[in-house]
Amino acid sequence: MWLAALAILIGLAILVWSADVFIDGATALAKKFSVPSFLIGVLILGIGTSAPEMVVSVLAAIEGSPELALGNAYGSNIINIALVLGATVLISPIIIRRGIVKRDLPLLLLITVIAAWQLRDGTLSQADGIVLLILLVAVLGLQIIMSIREGYHEHEDDIVVANADSEHLNNSESLEKLEPSVTRGLASLIIGMLMLVASSRAIVWGAVELATLWGLSELIIGLTIVAVGTSLPELVSSLSAARKGEHDMALGNIIGSNIFNTLAVVGLATVIAPIAADPVILSRDVMAMGLLTILLVTLCVFAFKTKRQFGRTSGATLVLFFMSYTAWLIQSVSM
């Protein structure tokens, strides 16, 4: 018991520290190479923090349980928006950019619709998986081209302008001074990601051990502690990014993670082994994911048209959705 409690305490401390290191590394690289923060959030934070889900889903498919991959991916998407983003903006409101409203969120909604449409007959074939992987390459390519083309022109706050000025000065630095900085940024990124994953796993292990000792069922543990625990990297990295003023990076983390979960995680698992989904996944989880994505788009559009800030009211709405979904999930399983 004491070992489990110690794992949770040490894991939390390392989790917070590693998130700061991870975000610092991502920010340093974004500035050095003049890459928009949103693109860093989508590609590095979004994909990086979703790597554990991909590993778990691929192993599940190889071991003959591909349906677990589906639940893992869609459940993670729900938690990312409802809990991760909701908790993030409750602590630190996020500025909404024009490109996010006009391009990135509609793209996420379209991908969610495609995912639901593929499951209309309750199965995902290997051909469906190939389509998802092709879409992943196309979407990532589009994100890279559009984000680099837009650059920092959409950024309106003084902090970003100051960063742009700083980047201009950095471009005049010698190669000798640039290379160590890039090296440190990469090292921070890699070390931070590894420690994020390791510390989150330690927290999940400790929590599961304590819950088992307290007599909670494995099902309840899986639906609550493990589900939230596997999203800790996204949660803490988004909180750290928002706290440091990297609003685009925080939101890009959520959007990138959900895109990667839907296209890469499900796509890879389906290519390995076709999935025959339980009808409840379509009627409950896919529906919840779709409604939540629509809610996110609606809240962001409203925020952009008013004060361009995704504030605490929106965050509270998302967290309330998560609590309602969790209660619905537990009730439906216990019936």
C-alpha atoms as a PDB file:
ATOM      1  CA  MET A   1       0.000   0.000   0.000  1.00  0.00           C
ATOM      2  CA  TRP A   2       2.753   2.426   0.930  1.00  0.00           C
ATOM      3  CA  LEU A   3       4.638   1.566  -2.257  1.00  0.00           C
ATOM      4  CA  ALA A   4       1.556   2.357  -4.334  1.00  0.00           C
ATOM      5  CA  ALA A   5       1.037   5.673  -2.528  1.00  0.00           C
ATOM      6  CA  LEU A   6       4.715   6.520  -3.009  1.00  0.00           C
ATOM      7  CA  ALA A   7       4.458   5.728  -6.733  1.00  0.00           C
ATOM      8  CA  ILE A   8       1.544   8.173  -7.037  1.00  0.00           C
ATOM      9  CA  LEU A   9       3.311  10.980  -5.153  1.00  0.00           C
ATOM     10  CA  ILE A  10       6.625  10.608  -6.958  1.00  0.00           C
ATOM     11  CA  GLY A  11       4.829  10.104 -10.265  1.00  0.00           C
ATOM     12  CA  LEU A  12       2.865  13.338  -9.855  1.00  0.00           C
ATOM     13  CA  ALA A  13       6.015  15.303  -9.026  1.00  0.00           C
ATOM     14  CA  ILE A  14       7.880  13.920 -12.043  1.00  0.00           C
ATOM     15  CA  LEU A  15       4.798  14.407 -14.233  1.00  0.00           C
ATOM     16  CA  VAL A  16       4.629  18.136 -13.516  1.00  0.00           C
ATOM     17  CA  TRP A  17       8.384  18.573 -13.955  1.00  0.00           C
ATOM     18  CA  SER A  18       8.545  16.587 -17.196  1.00  0.00           C
ATOM     19  CA  ALA A  19       5.622  18.521 -18.691  1.00  0.00           C
ATOM     20  CA  ASP A  20       7.501  21.788 -18.181  1.00  0.00           C
ATOM     21  CA  VAL A  21      10.647  20.297 -19.731  1.00  0.00           C
ATOM     22  CA  PHE A  22       8.620  18.911 -22.647  1.00  0.00           C
ATOM     23  CA  ILE A  23       6.896  22.227 -23.382  1.00  0.00           C
ATOM     24  CA  ASP A  24      10.130  24.206 -22.999  1.00  0.00           C
ATOM     25  CA  GLY A  25      11.809  21.948 -25.533  1.00  0.00           C
ATOM     26  CA  ALA A  26       8.911  22.229 -27.985  1.00  0.00           C
ATOM     27  CA  THR A  27       8.777  26.020 -27.595  1.00  0.00           C
ATOM     28  CA  ALA A  28      12.530  26.384 -28.101  1.00  0.00           C
ATOM     29  CA  LEU A  29      12.431  24.364 -31.326  1.00  0.00           C
ATOM     30  CA  ALA A  30       9.387  26.279 -32.583  1.00  0.00           C
ATOM     31  CA  LYS A  31      11.180  29.585 -32.079  1.00  0.00           C
ATOM     32  CA  LYS A  32      14.517  28.455 -33.499  1.00  0.00           C
ATOM     33  CA  PHE A  33      13.023  27.123 -36.714  1.00  0.00           C
ATOM     34  CA  SER A  34      10.185  29.692 -36.972  1.00  0.00           C
ATOM     35  CA  VAL A  35       7.569  26.948 -36.805  1.00  0.00           C
ATOM     36  CA  PRO A  36       4.085  28.044 -35.635  1.00  0.00           C
ATOM     37  CA  SER A  37       3.230  26.875 -32.122  1.00  0.00           C
ATOM     38  CA  PHE A  38      -0.017  25.294 -33.312  1.00  0.00           C
ATOM     39  CA  LEU A  39       1.902  23.047 -35.716  1.00  0.00           C
ATOM     40  CA  ILE A  40       4.247  22.016 -32.896  1.00  0.00           C
ATOM     41  CA  GLY A  41       1.175  21.249 -30.779  1.00  0.00           C
ATOM     42  CA  VAL A  42      -0.384  19.096 -33.513  1.00  0.00           C
ATOM     43  CA  LEU A  43       2.694  17.214 -34.661  1.00  0.00           C
ATOM     44  CA  ILE A  44       4.926  16.877 -31.617  1.00  0.00           C
ATOM     45  CA  LEU A  45       2.641  17.230 -28.611  1.00  0.00           C
ATOM     46  CA  GLY A  46      -0.439  15.684 -30.227  1.00  0.00           C
ATOM     47  CA  ILE A  47       1.315  12.693 -31.758  1.00  0.00           C
ATOM     48  CA  GLY A  48       3.859  12.325 -28.961  1.00  0.00           C
ATOM     49  CA  THR A  49       1.308  12.190 -26.162  1.00  0.00           C
ATOM     50  CA  SER A  50      -0.795   9.730 -28.199  1.00  0.00           C
ATOM     51  CA  ALA A  51       2.097   7.316 -28.665  1.00  0.00           C
ATOM     52  CA  PRO A  52       1.080   5.214 -25.605  1.00  0.00           C
ATOM     53  CA  GLU A  53      -2.434   4.772 -27.003  1.00  0.00           C
ATOM     54  CA  MET A  54      -0.971   3.669 -30.345  1.00  0.00           C
ATOM     55  CA  VAL A  55       1.288   1.076 -28.706  1.00  0.00           C
ATOM     56  CA  VAL A  56      -1.549  -0.292 -26.575  1.00  0.00           C
ATOM     57  CA  SER A  57      -3.925  -0.482 -29.549  1.00  0.00           C
ATOM     58  CA  VAL A  58      -1.422  -2.163 -31.870  1.00  0.00           C
ATOM     59  CA  LEU A  59      -0.569  -4.766 -29.212  1.00  0.00           C
ATOM     60  CA  ALA A  60      -4.277  -5.353 -28.587  1.00  0.00           C
ATOM     61  CA  ALA A  61      -4.832  -5.976 -32.303  1.00  0.00           C
ATOM     62  CA  ILE A  62      -1.850  -8.325 -32.530  1.00  0.00           C
ATOM     63  CA  GLU A  63      -3.092 -10.270 -29.510  1.00  0.00           C
ATOM     64  CA  GLY A  64      -6.536 -10.724 -31.047  1.00  0.00           C
ATOM     65  CA  SER A  65      -8.443  -7.964 -29.221  1.00  0.00           C
ATOM     66  CA  PRO A  66      -8.778  -5.225 -31.851  1.00  0.00           C
ATOM     67  CA  GLU A  67     -12.010  -3.933 -30.298  1.00  0.00           C
ATOM     68  CA  LEU A  68      -9.949  -2.733 -27.341  1.00  0.00           C
ATOM     69  CA  ALA A  69      -8.087  -0.478 -29.764  1.00  0.00           C
ATOM     70  CA  LEU A  70     -11.352   1.105 -30.844  1.00  0.00           C
ATOM     71  CA  GLY A  71     -12.485   1.772 -27.286  1.00  0.00           C
ATOM     72  CA  ASN A  72      -9.036   3.055 -26.360  1.00  0.00           C
ATOM     73  CA  ALA A  73      -8.916   5.548 -29.236  1.00  0.00           C
ATOM     74  CA  TYR A  74     -12.468   6.862 -28.984  1.00  0.00           C
ATOM     75  CA  GLY A  75     -12.413   6.946 -25.190  1.00  0.00           C
ATOM     76  CA  SER A  76      -9.179   8.927 -25.326  1.00  0.00           C
ATOM     77  CA  ASN A  77     -10.759  11.403 -27.769  1.00  0.00           C
ATOM     78  CA  ILE A  78     -13.661  11.996 -25.392  1.00  0.00           C
ATOM     79  CA  ILE A  79     -11.356  12.500 -22.416  1.00  0.00           C
ATOM     80  CA  ASN A  80      -9.031  14.795 -24.403  1.00  0.00           C
ATOM     81  CA  ILE A  81     -11.798  17.249 -25.245  1.00  0.00           C
ATOM     82  CA  ALA A  82     -14.070  16.949 -22.221  1.00  0.00           C
ATOM     83  CA  LEU A  83     -11.558  16.560 -19.398  1.00  0.00           C
ATOM     84  CA  VAL A  84      -8.143  17.665 -20.722  1.00  0.00           C
ATOM     85  CA  LEU A  85      -9.265  20.747 -22.631  1.00  0.00           C
ATOM     86  CA  GLY A  86     -12.016  21.509 -20.126  1.00  0.00           C
ATOM     87  CA  ALA A  87      -9.636  21.430 -17.153  1.00  0.00           C
ATOM     88  CA  THR A  88      -7.019  23.407 -19.080  1.00  0.00           C
ATOM     89  CA  VAL A  89      -9.281  26.356 -19.858  1.00  0.00           C
ATOM     90  CA  LEU A  90     -10.726  26.299 -16.345  1.00  0.00           C
ATOM     91  CA  ILE A  91      -7.211  27.101 -15.130  1.00  0.00           C
ATOM     92  CA  SER A  92      -5.990  29.213 -18.055  1.00  0.00           C
ATOM     93  CA  PRO A  93      -8.352  30.437 -20.824  1.00  0.00           C
ATOM     94  CA  ILE A  94      -7.105  29.853 -24.387  1.00  0.00           C
ATOM     95  CA  ILE A  95      -7.067  32.388 -27.216  1.00  0.00           C
ATOM     96  CA  ILE A  96      -8.891  31.162 -30.354  1.00  0.00           C
ATOM     97  CA  ARG A  97      -7.273  31.944 -33.724  1.00  0.00           C
ATOM     98  CA  ARG A  98      -9.038  32.385 -37.051  1.00  0.00           C
ATOM     99  CA  GLY A  99      -7.275  29.431 -38.690  1.00  0.00           C
ATOM    100  CA  ILE A 100      -8.365  27.088 -35.890  1.00  0.00           C
ATOM    101  CA  VAL A 101     -12.023  27.988 -36.395  1.00  0.00           C
ATOM    102  CA  LYS A 102     -11.969  28.046 -40.197  1.00  0.00           C
ATOM    103  CA  ARG A 103      -9.730  25.062 -40.884  1.00  0.00           C
ATOM    104  CA  ASP A 104      -8.594  22.857 -37.995  1.00  0.00           C
ATOM    105  CA  LEU A 105     -11.833  22.341 -36.084  1.00  0.00           C
ATOM    106  CA  PRO A 106     -13.920  21.646 -39.236  1.00  0.00           C
ATOM    107  CA  LEU A 107     -11.210  19.155 -40.241  1.00  0.00           C
ATOM    108  CA  LEU A 108     -11.495  17.409 -36.875  1.00  0.00           C
ATOM    109  CA  LEU A 109     -15.293  17.311 -37.249  1.00  0.00           C
ATOM    110  CA  LEU A 110     -15.000  15.851 -40.758  1.00  0.00           C
ATOM    111  CA  ILE A 111     -12.637  13.120 -39.535  1.00  0.00           C
ATOM    112  CA  THR A 112     -15.065  12.275 -36.725  1.00  0.00           C
ATOM    113  CA  VAL A 113     -17.915  12.002 -39.243  1.00  0.00           C
ATOM    114  CA  ILE A 114     -15.825   9.695 -41.449  1.00  0.00           C
ATOM    115  CA  ALA A 115     -15.026   7.502 -38.439  1.00  0.00           C
ATOM    116  CA  ALA A 116     -18.716   7.209 -37.555  1.00  0.00           C
ATOM    117  CA  TRP A 117     -19.663   6.513 -41.185  1.00  0.00           C
ATOM    118  CA  GLN A 118     -17.136   3.671 -41.442  1.00  0.00           C
ATOM    119  CA  LEU A 119     -18.735   2.055 -38.395  1.00  0.00           C
ATOM    120  CA  ARG A 120     -22.278   2.299 -39.759  1.00  0.00           C
ATOM    121  CA  ASP A 121     -22.381  -1.497 -40.339  1.00  0.00           C
ATOM    122  CA  GLY A 122     -20.619  -2.301 -37.059  1.00  0.00           C
ATOM    123  CA  THR A 123     -17.351  -3.420 -38.678  1.00  0.00           C
ATOM    124  CA  LEU A 124     -14.038  -1.914 -39.763  1.00  0.00           C
ATOM    125  CA  SER A 125     -12.259  -3.767 -42.574  1.00  0.00           C
ATOM    126  CA  GLN A 126      -8.600  -3.622 -43.527  1.00  0.00           C
ATOM    127  CA  ALA A 127      -9.629  -1.401 -46.440  1.00  0.00           C
ATOM    128  CA  ASP A 128     -11.163   1.017 -43.921  1.00  0.00           C
ATOM    129  CA  GLY A 129      -7.886   1.015 -42.016  1.00  0.00           C
ATOM    130  CA  ILE A 130      -5.903   1.804 -45.173  1.00  0.00           C
ATOM    131  CA  VAL A 131      -8.266   4.699 -45.923  1.00  0.00           C
ATOM    132  CA  LEU A 132      -7.706   6.080 -42.411  1.00  0.00           C
ATOM    133  CA  LEU A 133      -3.914   5.889 -42.786  1.00  0.00           C
ATOM    134  CA  ILE A 134      -4.038   7.606 -46.190  1.00  0.00           C
ATOM    135  CA  LEU A 135      -6.196  10.336 -44.654  1.00  0.00           C
ATOM    136  CA  LEU A 136      -3.633  10.686 -41.850  1.00  0.00           C
ATOM    137  CA  VAL A 137      -0.821  11.389 -44.319  1.00  0.00           C
ATOM    138  CA  ALA A 138      -3.010  13.847 -46.242  1.00  0.00           C
ATOM    139  CA  VAL A 139      -4.166  15.677 -43.107  1.00  0.00           C
ATOM    140  CA  LEU A 140      -0.675  15.978 -41.629  1.00  0.00           C
ATOM    141  CA  GLY A 141       0.637  17.226 -44.970  1.00  0.00           C
ATOM    142  CA  LEU A 142      -2.151  19.808 -45.141  1.00  0.00           C
ATOM    143  CA  GLN A 143      -1.488  20.920 -41.568  1.00  0.00           C
ATOM    144  CA  ILE A 144       2.211  21.386 -42.261  1.00  0.00           C
ATOM    145  CA  ILE A 145       1.718  23.318 -45.507  1.00  0.00           C
ATOM    146  CA  MET A 146      -1.058  25.593 -44.214  1.00  0.00           C
ATOM    147  CA  SER A 147       0.540  26.296 -40.825  1.00  0.00           C
ATOM    148  CA  ILE A 148       3.912  27.180 -42.337  1.00  0.00           C
ATOM    149  CA  ARG A 149       2.245  29.323 -45.033  1.00  0.00           C
ATOM    150  CA  GLU A 150       0.225  31.238 -42.448  1.00  0.00           C
ATOM    151  CA  GLY A 151       3.175  31.460 -40.050  1.00  0.00           C
ATOM    152  CA  TYR A 152       2.636  34.049 -37.359  1.00  0.00           C
ATOM    153  CA  HIS A 153       0.420  36.388 -39.377  1.00  0.00           C
ATOM    154  CA  GLU A 154      -2.725  35.389 -37.526  1.00  0.00           C
ATOM    155  CA  HIS A 155      -1.206  35.938 -34.086  1.00  0.00           C
ATOM    156  CA  GLU A 156      -2.471  39.114 -32.580  1.00  0.00           C
ATOM    157  CA  ASP A 157      -1.147  39.220 -29.012  1.00  0.00           C
ATOM    158  CA  ASP A 158       1.931  41.131 -27.993  1.00  0.00           C
ATOM    159  CA  ILE A 159       3.671  38.055 -26.633  1.00  0.00           C
ATOM    160  CA  VAL A 160       3.747  36.412 -30.044  1.00  0.00           C
ATOM    161  CA  VAL A 161       4.931  39.618 -31.689  1.00  0.00           C
ATOM    162  CA  ALA A 162       7.708  39.810 -29.150  1.00  0.00           C
ATOM    163  CA  ASN A 163       8.609  36.218 -29.897  1.00  0.00           C
ATOM    164  CA  ALA A 164       8.751  37.003 -33.603  1.00  0.00           C
ATOM    165  CA  ASP A 165      11.133  39.875 -32.902  1.00  0.00           C
ATOM    166  CA  SER A 166      13.228  37.573 -30.765  1.00  0.00           C
ATOM    167  CA  GLU A 167      13.359  35.039 -33.572  1.00  0.00           C
ATOM    168  CA  HIS A 168      14.596  37.715 -35.961  1.00  0.00           C
ATOM    169  CA  LEU A 169      17.479  38.417 -33.602  1.00  0.00           C
ATOM    170  CA  ASN A 170      18.158  34.723 -33.168  1.00  0.00           C
ATOM    171  CA  ASN A 171      18.528  34.323 -36.932  1.00  0.00           C
ATOM    172  CA  SER A 172      21.598  36.535 -36.783  1.00  0.00           C
ATOM    173  CA  GLU A 173      23.292  34.338 -34.183  1.00  0.00           C
ATOM    174  CA  SER A 174      26.281  32.261 -35.176  1.00  0.00           C
ATOM    175  CA  LEU A 175      25.907  28.598 -36.082  1.00  0.00           C
ATOM    176  CA  GLU A 176      27.987  27.668 -33.086  1.00  0.00           C
ATOM    177  CA  LYS A 177      25.495  29.288 -30.758  1.00  0.00           C
ATOM    178  CA  LEU A 178      22.468  27.896 -32.600  1.00  0.00           C
ATOM    179  CA  GLU A 179      23.441  24.231 -32.599  1.00  0.00           C
ATOM    180  CA  PRO A 180      23.713  23.780 -28.797  1.00  0.00           C
ATOM    181  CA  SER A 181      20.333  25.473 -28.389  1.00  0.00           C
ATOM    182  CA  VAL A 182      18.733  23.104 -30.886  1.00  0.00           C
ATOM    183  CA  THR A 183      20.419  20.181 -29.160  1.00  0.00           C
ATOM    184  CA  ARG A 184      19.090  21.271 -25.779  1.00  0.00           C
ATOM    185  CA  GLY A 185      15.622  21.711 -27.247  1.00  0.00           C
ATOM    186  CA  LEU A 186      15.622  18.200 -28.721  1.00  0.00           C
ATOM    187  CA  ALA A 187      17.008  16.746 -25.501  1.00  0.00           C
ATOM    188  CA  SER A 188      14.312  18.496 -23.438  1.00  0.00           C
ATOM    189  CA  LEU A 189      11.639  17.269 -25.832  1.00  0.00           C
ATOM    190  CA  ILE A 190      12.758  13.631 -25.740  1.00  0.00           C
ATOM    191  CA  ILE A 191      13.509  13.498 -22.011  1.00  0.00           C
ATOM    192  CA  GLY A 192      10.260  15.280 -21.177  1.00  0.00           C
ATOM    193  CA  MET A 193       8.189  12.876 -23.303  1.00  0.00           C
ATOM    194  CA  LEU A 194       9.829   9.761 -21.862  1.00  0.00           C
ATOM    195  CA  MET A 195       9.358  10.995 -18.307  1.00  0.00           C
ATOM    196  CA  LEU A 196       5.751  12.014 -19.028  1.00  0.00           C
ATOM    197  CA  VAL A 197       4.887   8.518 -20.168  1.00  0.00           C
ATOM    198  CA  ALA A 198       6.850   6.785 -17.377  1.00  0.00           C
ATOM    199  CA  SER A 199       5.420   8.942 -14.589  1.00  0.00           C
ATOM    200  CA  SER A 200       1.845   8.586 -15.863  1.00  0.00           C
ATOM    201  CA  ARG A 201       2.256   4.808 -15.901  1.00  0.00           C
ATOM    202  CA  ALA A 202       3.571   4.893 -12.324  1.00  0.00           C
ATOM    203  CA  ILE A 203       0.545   6.922 -11.235  1.00  0.00           C
ATOM    204  CA  VAL A 204      -1.866   4.519 -12.949  1.00  0.00           C
ATOM    205  CA  TRP A 205      -0.169   1.501 -11.366  1.00  0.00           C
ATOM    206  CA  GLY A 206      -0.276   3.051  -7.900  1.00  0.00           C
ATOM    207  CA  ALA A 207      -3.905   4.121  -8.276  1.00  0.00           C
ATOM    208  CA  VAL A 208      -4.990   0.690  -9.514  1.00  0.00           C
ATOM    209  CA  GLU A 209      -3.176  -0.992  -6.607  1.00  0.00           C
ATOM    210  CA  LEU A 210      -4.849   1.271  -4.048  1.00  0.00           C
ATOM    211  CA  ALA A 211      -8.273   0.912  -5.668  1.00  0.00           C
ATOM    212  CA  THR A 212      -7.922  -2.871  -5.631  1.00  0.00           C
ATOM    213  CA  LEU A 213      -6.988  -2.813  -1.951  1.00  0.00           C
ATOM    214  CA  TRP A 214     -10.057  -0.679  -1.264  1.00  0.00           C
ATOM    215  CA  GLY A 215     -12.295  -3.253  -2.961  1.00  0.00           C
ATOM    216  CA  LEU A 216     -13.206  -1.426  -6.177  1.00  0.00           C
ATOM    217  CA  SER A 217     -14.007  -3.641  -9.147  1.00  0.00           C
ATOM    218  CA  GLU A 218     -11.641  -3.963 -12.112  1.00  0.00           C
ATOM    219  CA  LEU A 219     -14.337  -2.560 -14.375  1.00  0.00           C
ATOM    220  CA  ILE A 220     -14.746   0.619 -12.353  1.00  0.00           C
ATOM    221  CA  ILE A 221     -10.967   0.961 -12.122  1.00  0.00           C
ATOM    222  CA  GLY A 222     -10.653   0.632 -15.890  1.00  0.00           C
ATOM    223  CA  LEU A 223     -13.437   3.103 -16.641  1.00  0.00           C
ATOM    224  CA  THR A 224     -12.156   5.751 -14.258  1.00  0.00           C
ATOM    225  CA  ILE A 225      -8.576   5.548 -12.984  1.00  0.00           C
ATOM    226  CA  VAL A 226      -6.952   3.905 -16.013  1.00  0.00           C
ATOM    227  CA  ALA A 227      -8.956   5.944 -18.540  1.00  0.00           C
ATOM    228  CA  VAL A 228      -7.992   9.245 -16.928  1.00  0.00           C
ATOM    229  CA  GLY A 229      -4.474   8.057 -16.136  1.00  0.00           C
ATOM    230  CA  THR A 230      -3.629   7.295 -19.763  1.00  0.00           C
ATOM    231  CA  SER A 231      -4.616  10.873 -20.656  1.00  0.00           C
ATOM    232  CA  LEU A 232      -2.324  12.428 -18.051  1.00  0.00           C
ATOM    233  CA  PRO A 233       0.399  13.285 -20.625  1.00  0.00           C
ATOM    234  CA  GLU A 234      -2.108  15.277 -22.710  1.00  0.00           C
ATOM    235  CA  LEU A 235      -3.596  16.902 -19.602  1.00  0.00           C
ATOM    236  CA  VAL A 236      -0.368  18.042 -17.976  1.00  0.00           C
ATOM    237  CA  SER A 237       1.327  19.118 -21.216  1.00  0.00           C
ATOM    238  CA  SER A 238      -1.741  21.175 -22.223  1.00  0.00           C
ATOM    239  CA  LEU A 239      -1.881  22.786 -18.775  1.00  0.00           C
ATOM    240  CA  SER A 240       1.813  23.594 -18.934  1.00  0.00           C
ATOM    241  CA  ALA A 241       1.512  25.061 -22.442  1.00  0.00           C
ATOM    242  CA  ALA A 242      -1.475  27.226 -21.492  1.00  0.00           C
ATOM    243  CA  ARG A 243       0.247  28.408 -18.315  1.00  0.00           C
ATOM    244  CA  LYS A 244       3.274  29.489 -20.361  1.00  0.00           C
ATOM    245  CA  GLY A 245       1.063  31.459 -22.758  1.00  0.00           C
ATOM    246  CA  GLU A 246       1.393  28.910 -25.588  1.00  0.00           C
ATOM    247  CA  HIS A 247      -2.336  28.850 -26.334  1.00  0.00           C
ATOM    248  CA  ASP A 248      -1.962  27.497 -29.875  1.00  0.00           C
ATOM    249  CA  MET A 249       0.258  24.696 -28.612  1.00  0.00           C
ATOM    250  CA  ALA A 250      -2.264  23.697 -25.934  1.00  0.00           C
ATOM    251  CA  LEU A 251      -5.188  23.529 -28.359  1.00  0.00           C
ATOM    252  CA  GLY A 252      -3.040  21.983 -31.081  1.00  0.00           C
ATOM    253  CA  ASN A 253      -2.150  19.216 -28.624  1.00  0.00           C
ATOM    254  CA  ILE A 254      -5.828  18.262 -28.246  1.00  0.00           C
ATOM    255  CA  ILE A 255      -6.713  18.521 -31.943  1.00  0.00           C
ATOM    256  CA  GLY A 256      -3.561  16.684 -33.033  1.00  0.00           C
ATOM    257  CA  SER A 257      -4.048  13.936 -30.458  1.00  0.00           C
ATOM    258  CA  ASN A 258      -7.660  13.322 -31.515  1.00  0.00           C
ATOM    259  CA  ILE A 259      -6.775  13.289 -35.215  1.00  0.00           C
ATOM    260  CA  PHE A 260      -3.939  10.852 -34.546  1.00  0.00           C
ATOM    261  CA  ASN A 261      -6.137   8.617 -32.368  1.00  0.00           C
ATOM    262  CA  THR A 262      -8.906   8.434 -34.962  1.00  0.00           C
ATOM    263  CA  LEU A 263      -6.739   7.967 -38.042  1.00  0.00           C
ATOM    264  CA  ALA A 264      -3.461   6.368 -36.906  1.00  0.00           C
ATOM    265  CA  VAL A 265      -4.427   4.384 -33.806  1.00  0.00           C
ATOM    266  CA  VAL A 266      -7.631   2.932 -35.255  1.00  0.00           C
ATOM    267  CA  GLY A 267      -6.136   2.697 -38.746  1.00  0.00           C
ATOM    268  CA  LEU A 268      -3.096   0.670 -37.674  1.00  0.00           C
ATOM    269  CA  ALA A 269      -5.137  -1.633 -35.461  1.00  0.00           C
ATOM    270  CA  THR A 270      -7.668  -2.253 -38.248  1.00  0.00           C
ATOM    271  CA  VAL A 271      -4.979  -3.012 -40.849  1.00  0.00           C
ATOM    272  CA  ILE A 272      -3.529  -5.601 -38.448  1.00  0.00           C
ATOM    273  CA  ALA A 273      -6.929  -7.158 -37.677  1.00  0.00           C
ATOM    274  CA  PRO A 274     -10.442  -6.178 -38.872  1.00  0.00           C
ATOM    275  CA  ILE A 275     -12.716  -4.986 -36.068  1.00  0.00           C
ATOM    276  CA  ALA A 276     -16.250  -6.189 -35.349  1.00  0.00           C
ATOM    277  CA  ALA A 277     -17.490  -3.510 -32.984  1.00  0.00           C
ATOM    278  CA  ASP A 278     -20.005  -4.014 -30.224  1.00  0.00           C
ATOM    279  CA  PRO A 279     -23.185  -2.099 -31.194  1.00  0.00           C
ATOM    280  CA  VAL A 280     -22.958  -0.154 -27.918  1.00  0.00           C
ATOM    281  CA  ILE A 281     -19.733   1.489 -29.125  1.00  0.00           C
ATOM    282  CA  LEU A 282     -21.621   3.114 -31.991  1.00  0.00           C
ATOM    283  CA  SER A 283     -24.721   4.005 -29.982  1.00  0.00           C
ATOM    284  CA  ARG A 284     -22.820   5.318 -26.955  1.00  0.00           C
ATOM    285  CA  ASP A 285     -19.148   6.109 -27.465  1.00  0.00           C
ATOM    286  CA  VAL A 286     -19.107   7.217 -31.105  1.00  0.00           C
ATOM    287  CA  MET A 287     -22.251   9.263 -30.509  1.00  0.00           C
ATOM    288  CA  ALA A 288     -20.674  10.875 -27.435  1.00  0.00           C
ATOM    289  CA  MET A 289     -17.486  11.618 -29.397  1.00  0.00           C
ATOM    290  CA  GLY A 290     -19.501  13.169 -32.230  1.00  0.00           C
ATOM    291  CA  LEU A 291     -21.670  15.291 -29.942  1.00  0.00           C
ATOM    292  CA  LEU A 292     -18.613  16.425 -28.007  1.00  0.00           C
ATOM    293  CA  THR A 293     -16.774  17.422 -31.185  1.00  0.00           C
ATOM    294  CA  ILE A 294     -19.812  19.411 -32.354  1.00  0.00           C
ATOM    295  CA  LEU A 295     -19.985  21.056 -28.921  1.00  0.00           C
ATOM    296  CA  LEU A 296     -16.289  21.964 -29.118  1.00  0.00           C
ATOM    297  CA  VAL A 297     -16.683  23.525 -32.569  1.00  0.00           C
ATOM    298  CA  THR A 298     -19.765  25.465 -31.421  1.00  0.00           C
ATOM    299  CA  LEU A 299     -18.066  26.796 -28.289  1.00  0.00           C
ATOM    300  CA  CYS A 300     -14.930  27.794 -30.203  1.00  0.00           C
ATOM    301  CA  VAL A 301     -16.902  29.593 -32.934  1.00  0.00           C
ATOM    302  CA  PHE A 302     -18.905  31.458 -30.298  1.00  0.00           C
ATOM    303  CA  ALA A 303     -15.724  32.347 -28.418  1.00  0.00           C
ATOM    304  CA  PHE A 304     -14.016  33.577 -31.597  1.00  0.00           C
ATOM    305  CA  LYS A 305     -16.949  35.777 -32.579  1.00  0.00           C
ATOM    306  CA  THR A 306     -17.229  37.349 -29.130  1.00  0.00           C
ATOM    307  CA  LYS A 307     -13.983  37.889 -27.227  1.00  0.00           C
ATOM    308  CA  ARG A 308     -11.777  35.334 -29.029  1.00  0.00           C
ATOM    309  CA  GLN A 309     -11.084  33.533 -25.786  1.00  0.00           C
ATOM    310  CA  PHE A 310     -12.102  30.002 -24.860  1.00  0.00           C
ATOM    311  CA  GLY A 311     -12.952  30.758 -21.266  1.00  0.00           C
ATOM    312  CA  ARG A 312     -13.891  29.097 -18.004  1.00  0.00           C
ATOM    313  CA  THR A 313     -17.613  28.805 -18.801  1.00  0.00           C
ATOM    314  CA  SER A 314     -16.757  26.689 -21.846  1.00  0.00           C
ATOM    315  CA  GLY A 315     -14.306  24.682 -19.740  1.00  0.00           C
ATOM    316  CA  ALA A 316     -16.954  24.002 -17.102  1.00  0.00           C
ATOM    317  CA  THR A 317     -19.365  22.878 -19.846  1.00  0.00           C
ATOM    318  CA  LEU A 318     -16.822  20.367 -21.179  1.00  0.00           C
ATOM    319  CA  VAL A 319     -15.984  19.008 -17.717  1.00  0.00           C
ATOM    320  CA  LEU A 320     -19.704  18.623 -16.987  1.00  0.00           C
ATOM    321  CA  PHE A 321     -20.023  16.644 -20.227  1.00  0.00           C
ATOM    322  CA  PHE A 322     -17.200  14.371 -19.078  1.00  0.00           C
ATOM    323  CA  MET A 323     -18.849  13.766 -15.709  1.00  0.00           C
ATOM    324  CA  SER A 324     -22.175  12.983 -17.396  1.00  0.00           C
ATOM    325  CA  TYR A 325     -20.548  10.629 -19.901  1.00  0.00           C
ATOM    326  CA  THR A 326     -18.644   8.806 -17.142  1.00  0.00           C
ATOM    327  CA  ALA A 327     -21.847   8.347 -15.133  1.00  0.00           C
ATOM    328  CA  TRP A 328     -23.632   7.097 -18.270  1.00  0.00           C
ATOM    329  CA  LEU A 329     -20.759   4.713 -18.997  1.00  0.00           C
ATOM    330  CA  ILE A 330     -20.737   3.212 -15.513  1.00  0.00           C
ATOM    331  CA  GLN A 331     -24.527   2.902 -15.469  1.00  0.00           C
ATOM    332  CA  SER A 332     -24.680   1.213 -18.880  1.00  0.00           C
ATOM    333  CA  VAL A 333     -22.000  -1.318 -17.901  1.00  0.00           C
ATOM    334  CA  SER A 334     -23.614  -2.129 -14.560  1.00  0.00           C
ATOM    335  CA  MET A 335     -27.014  -2.829 -16.131  1.00  0.00           C
END
